C-alpha atoms as a PDB file:
ATOM      1  CA  UNK A   1      93.576  82.598 116.847  1.00  0.00           C
ATOM      2  CA  UNK A   2      93.660  85.864 114.886  1.00  0.00           C
ATOM      3  CA  UNK A   3      91.986  88.906 115.253  1.00  0.00           C
ATOM      4  CA  UNK A   4      90.304  88.680 111.769  1.00  0.00           C
ATOM      5  CA  UNK A   5      87.224  86.732 112.288  1.00  0.00           C
ATOM      6  CA  UNK A   6      87.365  85.789 108.454  1.00  0.00           C
ATOM      7  CA  UNK A   7      90.475  83.569 109.123  1.00  0.00           C
ATOM      8  CA  UNK A   8      90.147  80.116 110.616  1.00  0.00           C
ATOM      9  CA  UNK A   9      93.086  79.238 113.133  1.00  0.00           C
ATOM     10  CA  UNK A  10      94.987  76.212 111.789  1.00  0.00           C
ATOM     11  CA  UNK A  11      93.281  74.060 114.435  1.00  0.00           C
ATOM     12  CA  UNK A  12      89.975  74.723 112.981  1.00  0.00           C
ATOM     13  CA  UNK A  13      91.184  73.881 109.552  1.00  0.00           C
ATOM     14  CA  UNK A  14      92.405  70.428 110.610  1.00  0.00           C
ATOM     15  CA  UNK A  15      89.124  69.671 112.512  1.00  0.00           C
ATOM     16  CA  UNK A  16      87.187  70.657 109.142  1.00  0.00           C
ATOM     17  CA  UNK A  17      89.334  68.472 106.986  1.00  0.00           C
ATOM     18  CA  UNK A  18      88.873  65.722 109.544  1.00  0.00           C
ATOM     19  CA  UNK A  19      85.271  66.341 109.415  1.00  0.00           C
ATOM     20  CA  UNK A  20      84.983  66.067 105.655  1.00  0.00           C
ATOM     21  CA  UNK A  21      86.873  62.793 105.777  1.00  0.00           C
ATOM     22  CA  UNK A  22      84.510  61.430 108.413  1.00  0.00           C
ATOM     23  CA  UNK A  23      81.675  62.607 106.803  1.00  0.00           C
ATOM     24  CA  UNK A  24      82.667  61.008 103.306  1.00  0.00           C
ATOM     25  CA  UNK A  25      83.595  57.831 104.933  1.00  0.00           C
ATOM     26  CA  UNK A  26      79.958  57.803 106.644  1.00  0.00           C
ATOM     27  CA  UNK A  27      78.337  58.364 103.290  1.00  0.00           C
ATOM     28  CA  UNK A  28      80.422  55.700 101.227  1.00  0.00           C
ATOM     29  CA  UNK A  29      79.351  53.465 104.268  1.00  0.00           C
ATOM     30  CA  UNK A  30      75.582  54.202 104.480  1.00  0.00           C
ATOM     31  CA  UNK A  31      74.772  54.363 100.472  1.00  0.00           C
ATOM     32  CA  UNK A  32      74.954  51.241  98.854  1.00  0.00           C
ATOM     33  CA  UNK A  33      76.713  51.092  95.609  1.00  0.00           C
ATOM     34  CA  UNK A  34      78.259  54.725  95.962  1.00  0.00           C
ATOM     35  CA  UNK A  35      81.781  53.128  96.110  1.00  0.00           C
ATOM     36  CA  UNK A  36      81.440  51.215  92.841  1.00  0.00           C
ATOM     37  CA  UNK A  37      79.642  54.298  91.416  1.00  0.00           C
ATOM     38  CA  UNK A  38      82.955  56.536  92.238  1.00  0.00           C
ATOM     39  CA  UNK A  39      85.389  53.508  90.993  1.00  0.00           C
ATOM     40  CA  UNK A  40      83.276  53.250  87.688  1.00  0.00           C
ATOM     41  CA  UNK A  41      83.402  56.953  87.314  1.00  0.00           C
ATOM     42  CA  UNK A  42      86.862  57.463  87.993  1.00  0.00           C
ATOM     43  CA  UNK A  43      87.671  54.602  85.202  1.00  0.00           C
ATOM     44  CA  UNK A  44      85.585  56.069  82.723  1.00  0.00           C
ATOM     45  CA  UNK A  45      87.011  59.628  83.320  1.00  0.00           C
ATOM     46  CA  UNK A  46      90.415  58.333  83.054  1.00  0.00           C
ATOM     47  CA  UNK A  47      89.623  56.608  79.644  1.00  0.00           C
ATOM     48  CA  UNK A  48      88.080  59.798  78.300  1.00  0.00           C
ATOM     49  CA  UNK A  49      91.134  61.909  79.225  1.00  0.00           C
ATOM     50  CA  UNK A  50      93.447  59.082  77.164  1.00  0.00           C
ATOM     51  CA  UNK A  51      90.926  59.438  74.288  1.00  0.00           C
ATOM     52  CA  UNK A  52      91.198  63.297  74.307  1.00  0.00           C
ATOM     53  CA  UNK A  53      94.820  63.583  72.827  1.00  0.00           C
ATOM     54  CA  UNK A  54      93.855  60.838  69.779  1.00  0.00           C
ATOM     55  CA  UNK A  55      90.686  62.858  68.828  1.00  0.00           C
ATOM     56  CA  UNK A  56      92.556  66.245  69.117  1.00  0.00           C
ATOM     57  CA  UNK A  57      96.203  65.691  68.154  1.00  0.00           C
ATOM     58  CA  UNK A  58      98.956  68.240  68.611  1.00  0.00           C
ATOM     59  CA  UNK A  59      99.160  70.334  65.473  1.00  0.00           C
ATOM     60  CA  UNK A  60     102.605  69.557  63.537  1.00  0.00           C
ATOM     61  CA  UNK A  61     104.850  72.385  62.208  1.00  0.00           C
ATOM     62  CA  UNK A  62     103.293  71.020  58.694  1.00  0.00           C
ATOM     63  CA  UNK A  63      99.859  71.471  60.169  1.00  0.00           C
ATOM     64  CA  UNK A  64     100.776  75.205  61.088  1.00  0.00           C
ATOM     65  CA  UNK A  65     102.493  75.901  57.949  1.00  0.00           C
ATOM     66  CA  UNK A  66      99.462  74.509  55.884  1.00  0.00           C
ATOM     67  CA  UNK A  67      97.148  76.616  57.887  1.00  0.00           C
ATOM     68  CA  UNK A  68      99.643  79.997  57.455  1.00  0.00           C
ATOM     69  CA  UNK A  69      99.280  79.390  53.899  1.00  0.00           C
ATOM     70  CA  UNK A  70      95.529  78.930  53.448  1.00  0.00           C
ATOM     71  CA  UNK A  71      95.208  82.017  55.625  1.00  0.00           C
ATOM     72  CA  UNK A  72      97.801  83.775  53.378  1.00  0.00           C
ATOM     73  CA  UNK A  73      95.615  82.815  50.216  1.00  0.00           C
ATOM     74  CA  UNK A  74      92.570  84.644  51.784  1.00  0.00           C
ATOM     75  CA  UNK A  75      91.627  87.616  50.302  1.00  0.00           C
ATOM     76  CA  UNK A  76      92.914  90.658  52.474  1.00  0.00           C
ATOM     77  CA  UNK A  77      89.318  91.359  54.285  1.00  0.00           C
ATOM     78  CA  UNK A  78      88.916  87.756  55.016  1.00  0.00           C
ATOM     79  CA  UNK A  79      92.330  87.560  56.058  1.00  0.00           C
ATOM     80  CA  UNK A  80      92.202  90.293  58.723  1.00  0.00           C
ATOM     81  CA  UNK A  81      88.740  88.989  60.003  1.00  0.00           C
ATOM     82  CA  UNK A  82      90.384  85.576  60.808  1.00  0.00           C
ATOM     83  CA  UNK A  83      93.331  87.550  62.337  1.00  0.00           C
ATOM     84  CA  UNK A  84      90.949  89.683  64.345  1.00  0.00           C
ATOM     85  CA  UNK A  85      88.908  86.501  65.523  1.00  0.00           C
ATOM     86  CA  UNK A  86      92.270  85.265  66.899  1.00  0.00           C
ATOM     87  CA  UNK A  87      93.315  88.347  68.570  1.00  0.00           C
ATOM     88  CA  UNK A  88      96.145  88.763  66.029  1.00  0.00           C
ATOM     89  CA  UNK A  89      98.220  85.851  67.949  1.00  0.00           C
ATOM     90  CA  UNK A  90     100.223  84.009  65.467  1.00  0.00           C
ATOM     91  CA  UNK A  91      99.154  80.689  64.085  1.00  0.00           C
ATOM     92  CA  UNK A  92     101.968  78.796  65.705  1.00  0.00           C
ATOM     93  CA  UNK A  93     100.576  80.024  69.228  1.00  0.00           C
ATOM     94  CA  UNK A  94      96.990  79.963  68.369  1.00  0.00           C
ATOM     95  CA  UNK A  95      96.512  76.530  66.693  1.00  0.00           C
ATOM     96  CA  UNK A  96      98.194  74.652  69.995  1.00  0.00           C
ATOM     97  CA  UNK A  97      95.948  76.646  72.291  1.00  0.00           C
ATOM     98  CA  UNK A  98      92.846  75.875  70.146  1.00  0.00           C
ATOM     99  CA  UNK A  99      93.810  72.148  70.104  1.00  0.00           C
ATOM    100  CA  UNK A 100      93.930  72.256  74.162  1.00  0.00           C
ATOM    101  CA  UNK A 101      90.410  74.185  74.213  1.00  0.00           C
ATOM    102  CA  UNK A 102      89.079  71.422  72.100  1.00  0.00           C
ATOM    103  CA  UNK A 103      90.533  68.662  74.133  1.00  0.00           C
ATOM    104  CA  UNK A 104      89.093  70.235  77.436  1.00  0.00           C
ATOM    105  CA  UNK A 105      85.562  70.626  75.760  1.00  0.00           C
ATOM    106  CA  UNK A 106      85.676  67.059  74.373  1.00  0.00           C
ATOM    107  CA  UNK A 107      86.623  65.837  77.969  1.00  0.00           C
ATOM    108  CA  UNK A 108      83.936  67.960  79.556  1.00  0.00           C
ATOM    109  CA  UNK A 109      81.173  66.883  77.053  1.00  0.00           C
ATOM    110  CA  UNK A 110      82.025  63.334  77.600  1.00  0.00           C
ATOM    111  CA  UNK A 111      81.980  63.292  81.342  1.00  0.00           C
ATOM    112  CA  UNK A 112      78.985  65.203  81.448  1.00  0.00           C
ATOM    113  CA  UNK A 113      77.241  62.701  79.137  1.00  0.00           C
ATOM    114  CA  UNK A 114      78.756  59.696  81.264  1.00  0.00           C
ATOM    115  CA  UNK A 115      77.259  61.564  84.531  1.00  0.00           C
ATOM    116  CA  UNK A 116      73.957  61.947  82.897  1.00  0.00           C
ATOM    117  CA  UNK A 117      73.843  58.247  81.725  1.00  0.00           C
ATOM    118  CA  UNK A 118      75.165  56.923  85.171  1.00  0.00           C
ATOM    119  CA  UNK A 119      73.492  58.933  87.993  1.00  0.00           C
ATOM    120  CA  UNK A 120      74.793  58.682  91.329  1.00  0.00           C
ATOM    121  CA  UNK A 121      72.968  56.521  94.177  1.00  0.00           C
ATOM    122  CA  UNK A 122      73.549  59.580  96.445  1.00  0.00           C
ATOM    123  CA  UNK A 123      70.540  61.677  95.982  1.00  0.00           C
ATOM    124  CA  UNK A 124      70.727  65.178  97.485  1.00  0.00           C
ATOM    125  CA  UNK A 125      67.463  64.153  99.577  1.00  0.00           C
ATOM    126  CA  UNK A 126      69.377  61.133 100.722  1.00  0.00           C
ATOM    127  CA  UNK A 127      72.486  63.063 101.412  1.00  0.00           C
ATOM    128  CA  UNK A 128      70.843  65.658 103.451  1.00  0.00           C
ATOM    129  CA  UNK A 129      69.464  62.985 105.535  1.00  0.00           C
ATOM    130  CA  UNK A 130      72.532  61.145 106.048  1.00  0.00           C
ATOM    131  CA  UNK A 131      74.215  64.439 106.961  1.00  0.00           C
ATOM    132  CA  UNK A 132      71.672  65.134 109.443  1.00  0.00           C
ATOM    133  CA  UNK A 133      71.909  61.526 111.251  1.00  0.00           C
ATOM    134  CA  UNK A 134      75.972  62.037 111.120  1.00  0.00           C
ATOM    135  CA  UNK A 135      75.814  65.558 112.510  1.00  0.00           C
ATOM    136  CA  UNK A 136      73.514  64.170 115.391  1.00  0.00           C
ATOM    137  CA  UNK A 137      76.204  61.338 115.696  1.00  0.00           C
ATOM    138  CA  UNK A 138      79.229  63.550 115.437  1.00  0.00           C
ATOM    139  CA  UNK A 139      78.269  66.287 118.122  1.00  0.00           C
ATOM    140  CA  UNK A 140      77.396  63.643 120.808  1.00  0.00           C
END
């Protein structure tokens, strides 16, 4: 054990991990449909992540060259505004990063939409009740 009360001893960390695993198993056992919900959620989220690259493909060198040409054709003030907006990062670096952000937004938006349309059978009231029952059982 350390002298710093903020640090947990390794034994305490393992006990916390064991408690977390046991608590999760208890909830899965006592909430009908929770295991099926988690499985369906996992399948849906994997499908969303597989769809993201198709919706937001990586820019090709031709795409980057076309964006650079389009930017070069802008009037000086507009070109400077565009460069300022991206922090003067070259288009060859900016466009792939923008695609990554777009993919991430796509995935998060669709995951939130799935969660809204498929609410979990484990409500916070039920979780609180089951956790209290688990704590009484676990401490004995």
